[in-house]
Amino acid sequence: MLRAAQTARDKEVFEKKRQETIAERKAEIEKLLDGLHLELAERRLRESISELDDRRAFAPLRSRLAQLRDAERVSAELSTVASSLAHGESLDHVAQATARVRQQALAATYSWPQALFYPFRGLGSLVVLGLYLFMIGAESLPSTGWSQWATLARIVVSVLAAGFGLGIVRATLNGQNRLSDQALDLRAWLLDLPLVALIAAFSSLPWLAFALTRGRHQLFAEDHGLLGWSILAVLVWISAWAFVTACGAVGAFGRGACWRVIGHLRALAADADVSFAIHLVFVLGVAGVLLRVVPPPVAGLDALLASALEAWALLGVPHVIGVVVRRHRLELAKLYG
């Protein structure tokens, strides 16, 4: 018993010293960042994470270092623009350099947590609340025997929101980080409906191809089975990839980019941000399926959660896609050019 108490005290002393060391390292790295010694700060940060094995404690410093790196690149690009103007470079060259500055400046000042909070800022909070209440109302219709009206209501909302999705992508590309009138332009929505149908058709191709095979019997069997669930997950992921890349490409480069599958594949390998958006849509898709298939512990909880996810996704997902394209527009333009 005494040995156990001694061991507990030793652990407590060790953890206390460890926390003191972490605090000292963080203070040291913060001073390096304040002095803009980014190379030294990055090296010390890597050493500290490796030695102390605590990535979470140093996460804020890693984020600050990334922002300073982005700001450093913006400063370098501004110097390039100034040099181009001083040496009488062509307007096209200056315009490209200016576009790089704008793109990197936006990336440096806008984080993923801010992007995920997009539906709850400004006008978005009212829209997402309205969508949520509408979907809850649609969910309650089957209980009154009007299931056909519930289905019709969901189709109408999906079409309306999908049409505005491209507007959100374009508004995000123009630097808007909150829902605005530009994203909710009815005229643009009418013009975007054919493009929405195009993206929906492209995203549905994996499901159509699978429906033509015999494997559909395994997927739609009553007990599903491991193979059925695995096939379902793969299909949701492929559809998420097709939707994210096609929506971003159409929003930025026009309808012709929708069918450029090679460009979509290259975009997948271009940057981790693209992968983040795809996996976000994949997780939302899987969650939506599970909420519809798995019985909830409390009656009605599945409808509440599914409606909340849908309401957020209808505004949040297009903005996330827009942020990805905005951050990497120049690189993506080469892939789809």
Protein backbone atom coordinates (compact mmCIF):
# COMPACT_ATOMS: atom_id res chain seq x y z
CA MET A 1 0.00 0.00 0.00
CA LEU A 2 2.89 2.35 0.83
CA ARG A 3 4.48 1.45 -2.49
CA ALA A 4 1.24 2.30 -4.31
CA ALA A 5 1.06 5.65 -2.52
CA GLN A 6 4.68 6.38 -3.42
CA THR A 7 4.00 5.49 -7.04
CA ALA A 8 0.97 7.81 -7.11
CA ARG A 9 3.10 10.64 -5.65
CA ASP A 10 5.83 10.00 -8.18
CA LYS A 11 3.30 10.18 -10.99
CA GLU A 12 1.89 13.39 -9.59
CA VAL A 13 5.36 14.95 -9.34
CA PHE A 14 6.23 13.79 -12.86
CA GLU A 15 3.01 15.24 -14.31
CA LYS A 16 3.58 18.53 -12.48
CA LYS A 17 7.10 18.83 -13.90
CA ARG A 18 5.79 17.89 -17.33
CA GLN A 19 3.16 20.64 -17.23
CA GLU A 20 5.80 23.14 -16.07
CA THR A 21 8.02 22.12 -18.98
CA ILE A 22 5.11 22.52 -21.41
CA ALA A 23 4.40 26.01 -20.03
CA GLU A 24 8.07 26.97 -20.41
CA ARG A 25 8.24 25.67 -23.98
CA LYS A 26 5.03 27.47 -24.92
CA ALA A 27 6.36 30.73 -23.53
CA GLU A 28 9.61 30.24 -25.43
CA ILE A 29 7.84 29.52 -28.71
CA GLU A 30 5.48 32.45 -28.24
CA LYS A 31 8.48 34.78 -27.90
CA LEU A 32 9.93 33.38 -31.12
CA LEU A 33 6.60 33.92 -32.90
CA ASP A 34 6.33 37.45 -31.52
CA GLY A 35 9.76 38.16 -32.99
CA LEU A 36 8.71 36.52 -36.30
CA HIS A 37 11.50 33.93 -36.01
CA LEU A 38 9.30 31.40 -37.78
CA GLU A 39 11.96 28.86 -38.70
CA LEU A 40 13.23 28.63 -35.13
CA ALA A 41 9.68 28.54 -33.76
CA GLU A 42 8.69 25.72 -36.10
CA ARG A 43 11.77 23.70 -35.21
CA ARG A 44 11.24 24.19 -31.47
CA LEU A 45 7.55 23.34 -31.85
CA ARG A 46 8.33 20.05 -33.57
CA GLU A 47 10.92 19.17 -30.92
CA SER A 48 8.54 19.96 -28.08
CA ILE A 49 5.67 17.93 -29.54
CA SER A 50 7.98 14.97 -30.14
CA GLU A 51 9.66 15.17 -26.72
CA LEU A 52 6.57 15.84 -24.60
CA ASP A 53 4.10 13.86 -26.75
CA ASP A 54 1.28 16.39 -26.38
CA ARG A 55 0.01 17.80 -29.66
CA ARG A 56 -3.13 19.22 -28.06
CA ALA A 57 -1.19 21.51 -25.69
CA PHE A 58 0.69 23.06 -28.61
CA ALA A 59 -2.29 23.21 -31.02
CA PRO A 60 -2.90 26.99 -30.57
CA LEU A 61 0.76 27.71 -31.32
CA ARG A 62 0.66 25.51 -34.41
CA SER A 63 -2.40 27.43 -35.62
CA ARG A 64 -0.71 30.77 -34.97
CA LEU A 65 2.43 29.62 -36.80
CA ALA A 66 0.32 28.60 -39.82
CA GLN A 67 -1.37 32.01 -39.88
CA LEU A 68 1.98 33.79 -39.71
CA ARG A 69 3.27 31.60 -42.54
CA ASP A 70 0.26 32.62 -44.63
CA ALA A 71 0.84 36.27 -43.78
CA GLU A 72 4.50 35.89 -44.77
CA ARG A 73 3.46 34.51 -48.16
CA VAL A 74 1.03 37.39 -48.62
CA SER A 75 3.82 39.85 -47.88
CA ALA A 76 6.06 38.13 -50.43
CA GLU A 77 3.34 38.27 -53.06
CA LEU A 78 2.75 41.97 -52.36
CA SER A 79 6.44 42.56 -52.95
CA THR A 80 6.11 40.69 -56.25
CA VAL A 81 3.19 42.90 -57.32
CA ALA A 82 5.10 46.04 -56.39
CA SER A 83 8.17 44.83 -58.29
CA SER A 84 6.06 43.96 -61.34
CA LEU A 85 4.52 47.43 -61.36
CA ALA A 86 7.93 49.08 -60.93
CA HIS A 87 9.40 47.16 -63.86
CA GLY A 88 6.45 47.75 -66.15
CA GLU A 89 5.26 44.16 -66.33
CA SER A 90 2.16 43.28 -68.37
CA LEU A 91 -1.23 43.84 -66.80
CA ASP A 92 -1.99 40.10 -67.01
CA HIS A 93 1.10 39.30 -64.94
CA VAL A 94 0.21 41.93 -62.36
CA ALA A 95 -3.42 40.69 -62.25
CA GLN A 96 -2.27 37.11 -61.57
CA ALA A 97 0.04 38.25 -58.79
CA THR A 98 -2.76 40.35 -57.28
CA ALA A 99 -5.12 37.35 -57.40
CA ARG A 100 -2.57 35.26 -55.50
CA VAL A 101 -2.28 37.97 -52.84
CA ARG A 102 -6.07 38.13 -52.43
CA GLN A 103 -6.40 34.36 -52.26
CA GLN A 104 -3.68 33.97 -49.63
CA ALA A 105 -4.93 36.92 -47.59
CA LEU A 106 -8.38 35.32 -47.38
CA ALA A 107 -6.86 31.98 -46.38
CA ALA A 108 -4.71 33.61 -43.72
CA THR A 109 -7.61 35.27 -41.93
CA TYR A 110 -10.37 32.64 -42.16
CA SER A 111 -10.18 29.31 -40.34
CA TRP A 112 -12.17 26.10 -40.62
CA PRO A 113 -14.04 26.64 -37.32
CA GLN A 114 -15.17 30.01 -38.69
CA ALA A 115 -16.25 28.36 -41.95
CA LEU A 116 -18.26 25.68 -40.11
CA PHE A 117 -20.04 28.41 -38.14
CA TYR A 118 -21.15 30.14 -41.38
CA PRO A 119 -24.85 29.13 -41.21
CA PHE A 120 -25.22 30.86 -37.84
CA ARG A 121 -23.84 34.28 -38.82
CA GLY A 122 -25.98 37.21 -39.93
CA LEU A 123 -28.89 36.32 -42.18
CA GLY A 124 -27.82 32.66 -42.10
CA SER A 125 -29.06 32.18 -38.54
CA LEU A 126 -32.61 33.09 -39.59
CA VAL A 127 -32.46 30.95 -42.73
CA VAL A 128 -31.10 27.88 -40.94
CA LEU A 129 -33.75 28.24 -38.20
CA GLY A 130 -36.47 28.49 -40.85
CA LEU A 131 -35.13 25.41 -42.66
CA TYR A 132 -34.97 23.48 -39.40
CA LEU A 133 -38.54 24.32 -38.41
CA PHE A 134 -39.76 23.51 -41.92
CA MET A 135 -38.09 20.10 -41.87
CA ILE A 136 -39.40 19.30 -38.41
CA GLY A 137 -42.87 20.18 -39.71
CA ALA A 138 -42.34 17.93 -42.72
CA GLU A 139 -41.26 15.09 -40.42
CA SER A 140 -44.47 15.44 -38.41
CA LEU A 141 -46.72 15.09 -41.47
CA PRO A 142 -46.42 11.29 -41.80
CA SER A 143 -47.81 10.91 -38.28
CA THR A 144 -50.99 12.62 -39.48
CA GLY A 145 -51.28 10.35 -42.50
CA TRP A 146 -50.00 12.90 -45.05
CA SER A 147 -46.78 11.10 -45.95
CA GLN A 148 -47.00 12.15 -49.61
CA TRP A 149 -47.02 15.82 -48.58
CA ALA A 150 -43.99 15.28 -46.35
CA THR A 151 -42.08 13.75 -49.26
CA LEU A 152 -43.11 16.58 -51.58
CA ALA A 153 -42.11 19.21 -48.99
CA ARG A 154 -38.64 17.71 -48.61
CA ILE A 155 -38.14 17.58 -52.38
CA VAL A 156 -39.16 21.24 -52.74
CA VAL A 157 -36.81 22.35 -49.95
CA SER A 158 -33.93 20.29 -51.35
CA VAL A 159 -34.32 21.77 -54.83
CA LEU A 160 -34.61 25.32 -53.51
CA ALA A 161 -31.61 24.99 -51.23
CA ALA A 162 -29.50 23.20 -53.83
CA GLY A 163 -30.12 26.03 -56.26
CA PHE A 164 -28.99 28.59 -53.70
CA GLY A 165 -25.97 26.39 -52.94
CA LEU A 166 -24.16 27.46 -56.10
CA GLY A 167 -24.91 31.07 -55.18
CA ILE A 168 -23.27 30.47 -51.80
CA VAL A 169 -20.22 28.94 -53.50
CA ARG A 170 -19.85 31.96 -55.79
CA ALA A 171 -20.41 34.47 -52.99
CA THR A 172 -17.74 32.69 -50.95
CA LEU A 173 -15.35 32.85 -53.90
CA ASN A 174 -15.93 36.62 -53.96
CA GLY A 175 -14.75 36.84 -50.36
CA GLN A 176 -18.09 36.82 -48.50
CA ASN A 177 -17.98 34.93 -45.21
CA ARG A 178 -21.61 35.40 -44.19
CA LEU A 179 -24.88 34.72 -46.01
CA SER A 180 -25.81 37.70 -48.20
CA ASP A 181 -28.33 38.81 -50.80
CA GLN A 182 -25.91 37.77 -53.53
CA ALA A 183 -26.17 34.13 -52.45
CA LEU A 184 -30.00 34.33 -52.26
CA ASP A 185 -30.55 35.96 -55.67
CA LEU A 186 -33.77 34.47 -57.13
CA ARG A 187 -32.80 35.25 -60.72
CA ALA A 188 -29.47 33.51 -60.29
CA TRP A 189 -31.28 30.62 -58.62
CA LEU A 190 -33.48 30.12 -61.69
CA LEU A 191 -30.44 30.17 -63.96
CA ASP A 192 -28.63 27.71 -61.68
CA LEU A 193 -31.36 25.05 -61.71
CA PRO A 194 -29.97 23.31 -64.85
CA LEU A 195 -26.51 23.34 -63.28
CA VAL A 196 -27.93 21.87 -60.08
CA ALA A 197 -29.54 19.08 -62.11
CA LEU A 198 -26.17 18.52 -63.82
CA ILE A 199 -24.31 18.20 -60.52
CA ALA A 200 -27.04 15.95 -59.08
CA ALA A 201 -26.83 13.68 -62.13
CA PHE A 202 -23.04 13.46 -61.89
CA SER A 203 -23.14 12.73 -58.15
CA SER A 204 -25.78 10.03 -58.69
CA LEU A 205 -23.76 8.10 -61.29
CA PRO A 206 -22.17 5.75 -58.69
CA TRP A 207 -25.62 4.82 -57.38
CA LEU A 208 -26.97 4.32 -60.90
CA ALA A 209 -24.04 2.11 -61.87
CA PHE A 210 -24.47 0.01 -58.74
CA ALA A 211 -28.24 -0.26 -59.24
CA LEU A 212 -27.57 -1.98 -62.56
CA THR A 213 -25.57 -4.73 -60.85
CA ARG A 214 -26.75 -7.72 -58.86
CA GLY A 215 -25.09 -6.34 -55.73
CA ARG A 216 -28.10 -4.13 -55.09
CA HIS A 217 -29.90 -7.13 -53.60
CA GLN A 218 -27.22 -7.37 -50.87
CA LEU A 219 -27.39 -3.63 -50.19
CA PHE A 220 -31.15 -3.47 -49.86
CA ALA A 221 -31.61 -6.75 -47.99
CA GLU A 222 -33.51 -6.45 -44.76
CA ASP A 223 -30.55 -7.49 -42.59
CA HIS A 224 -28.10 -5.45 -44.73
CA GLY A 225 -25.05 -7.44 -43.63
CA LEU A 226 -21.40 -6.33 -43.47
CA LEU A 227 -21.03 -6.37 -47.25
CA GLY A 228 -24.14 -4.25 -47.69
CA TRP A 229 -22.98 -1.65 -45.16
CA SER A 230 -19.50 -1.59 -46.72
CA ILE A 231 -20.95 -1.03 -50.19
CA LEU A 232 -23.18 1.71 -48.84
CA ALA A 233 -20.20 3.49 -47.24
CA VAL A 234 -18.18 3.30 -50.45
CA LEU A 235 -21.08 4.67 -52.50
CA VAL A 236 -21.62 7.55 -50.07
CA TRP A 237 -17.91 8.42 -50.22
CA ILE A 238 -17.78 8.35 -54.02
CA SER A 239 -20.92 10.51 -54.19
CA ALA A 240 -19.37 12.93 -51.68
CA TRP A 241 -16.23 13.18 -53.83
CA ALA A 242 -18.29 13.70 -56.99
CA PHE A 243 -20.52 16.33 -55.37
CA VAL A 244 -17.74 18.38 -53.74
CA THR A 245 -15.46 18.47 -56.76
CA ALA A 246 -18.26 19.02 -59.29
CA CYS A 247 -19.97 21.73 -57.22
CA GLY A 248 -16.70 23.58 -56.65
CA ALA A 249 -15.63 23.27 -60.27
CA VAL A 250 -19.00 24.43 -61.67
CA GLY A 251 -19.18 27.32 -59.21
CA ALA A 252 -15.69 28.53 -60.12
CA PHE A 253 -15.13 27.49 -63.74
CA GLY A 254 -18.57 26.96 -65.33
CA ARG A 255 -20.78 24.05 -66.31
CA GLY A 256 -18.18 22.48 -68.60
CA ALA A 257 -16.05 21.59 -65.58
CA CYS A 258 -18.70 19.25 -64.16
CA TRP A 259 -17.75 16.28 -66.35
CA ARG A 260 -13.97 16.70 -66.13
CA VAL A 261 -13.42 13.54 -64.10
CA ILE A 262 -9.62 13.70 -64.52
CA GLY A 263 -9.68 17.18 -63.01
CA HIS A 264 -11.81 15.91 -60.12
CA LEU A 265 -9.33 13.08 -59.46
CA ARG A 266 -6.38 15.46 -59.55
CA ALA A 267 -8.22 17.85 -57.23
CA LEU A 268 -8.57 15.01 -54.70
CA ALA A 269 -4.79 14.70 -54.55
CA ALA A 270 -4.12 18.44 -54.79
CA ASP A 271 -4.52 19.48 -51.14
CA ALA A 272 -5.78 18.30 -47.76
CA ASP A 273 -8.50 20.96 -47.81
CA VAL A 274 -10.26 19.16 -50.68
CA SER A 275 -10.07 15.91 -48.73
CA PHE A 276 -11.48 17.67 -45.65
CA ALA A 277 -14.56 18.88 -47.58
CA ILE A 278 -15.15 15.45 -49.10
CA HIS A 279 -14.92 13.66 -45.77
CA LEU A 280 -17.18 16.25 -44.15
CA VAL A 281 -19.88 15.51 -46.73
CA PHE A 282 -19.21 11.78 -46.33
CA VAL A 283 -19.67 11.95 -42.53
CA LEU A 284 -22.88 13.94 -42.97
CA GLY A 285 -24.14 11.38 -45.48
CA VAL A 286 -23.34 8.41 -43.24
CA ALA A 287 -24.91 10.17 -40.24
CA GLY A 288 -28.04 10.85 -42.28
CA VAL A 289 -28.31 7.19 -43.30
CA LEU A 290 -27.76 5.92 -39.74
CA LEU A 291 -30.35 8.31 -38.33
CA ARG A 292 -32.87 6.91 -40.80
CA VAL A 293 -31.98 3.25 -40.30
CA VAL A 294 -30.98 2.80 -36.65
CA PRO A 295 -33.89 3.00 -34.17
CA PRO A 296 -33.42 6.00 -31.83
CA PRO A 297 -33.22 5.55 -28.04
CA VAL A 298 -35.90 8.23 -27.66
CA ALA A 299 -38.87 8.49 -30.02
CA GLY A 300 -38.53 11.47 -32.36
CA LEU A 301 -34.82 12.07 -31.60
CA ASP A 302 -33.81 10.80 -35.05
CA ALA A 303 -36.08 13.36 -36.75
CA LEU A 304 -34.73 16.23 -34.63
CA LEU A 305 -31.08 15.33 -35.32
CA ALA A 306 -31.63 14.57 -39.02
CA SER A 307 -33.43 17.88 -39.55
CA ALA A 308 -30.65 19.78 -37.74
CA LEU A 309 -27.99 18.11 -39.90
CA GLU A 310 -29.88 18.85 -43.10
CA ALA A 311 -30.54 22.47 -42.19
CA TRP A 312 -26.87 23.05 -41.42
CA ALA A 313 -25.62 21.13 -44.47
CA LEU A 314 -27.80 23.05 -46.94
CA LEU A 315 -25.93 26.26 -46.05
CA GLY A 316 -22.69 25.04 -44.52
CA VAL A 317 -21.52 22.54 -47.15
CA PRO A 318 -21.63 24.97 -50.14
CA HIS A 319 -19.68 27.52 -48.09
CA VAL A 320 -17.03 24.95 -47.13
CA ILE A 321 -16.69 24.00 -50.80
CA GLY A 322 -16.37 27.67 -51.70
CA VAL A 323 -13.66 28.17 -49.06
CA VAL A 324 -11.68 25.23 -50.46
CA VAL A 325 -11.82 26.60 -54.01
CA ARG A 326 -11.07 30.13 -52.79
CA ARG A 327 -7.94 28.95 -51.01
CA HIS A 328 -6.64 26.99 -54.00
CA ARG A 329 -8.30 28.63 -56.98
CA LEU A 330 -5.12 29.16 -58.98
CA GLU A 331 -3.95 25.56 -58.53
CA LEU A 332 -7.43 24.19 -59.34
CA ALA A 333 -7.71 26.42 -62.40
CA LYS A 334 -4.68 24.60 -63.87
CA LEU A 335 -6.35 21.23 -63.22
CA TYR A 336 -9.60 22.25 -64.91
CA GLY A 337 -8.10 24.54 -67.55
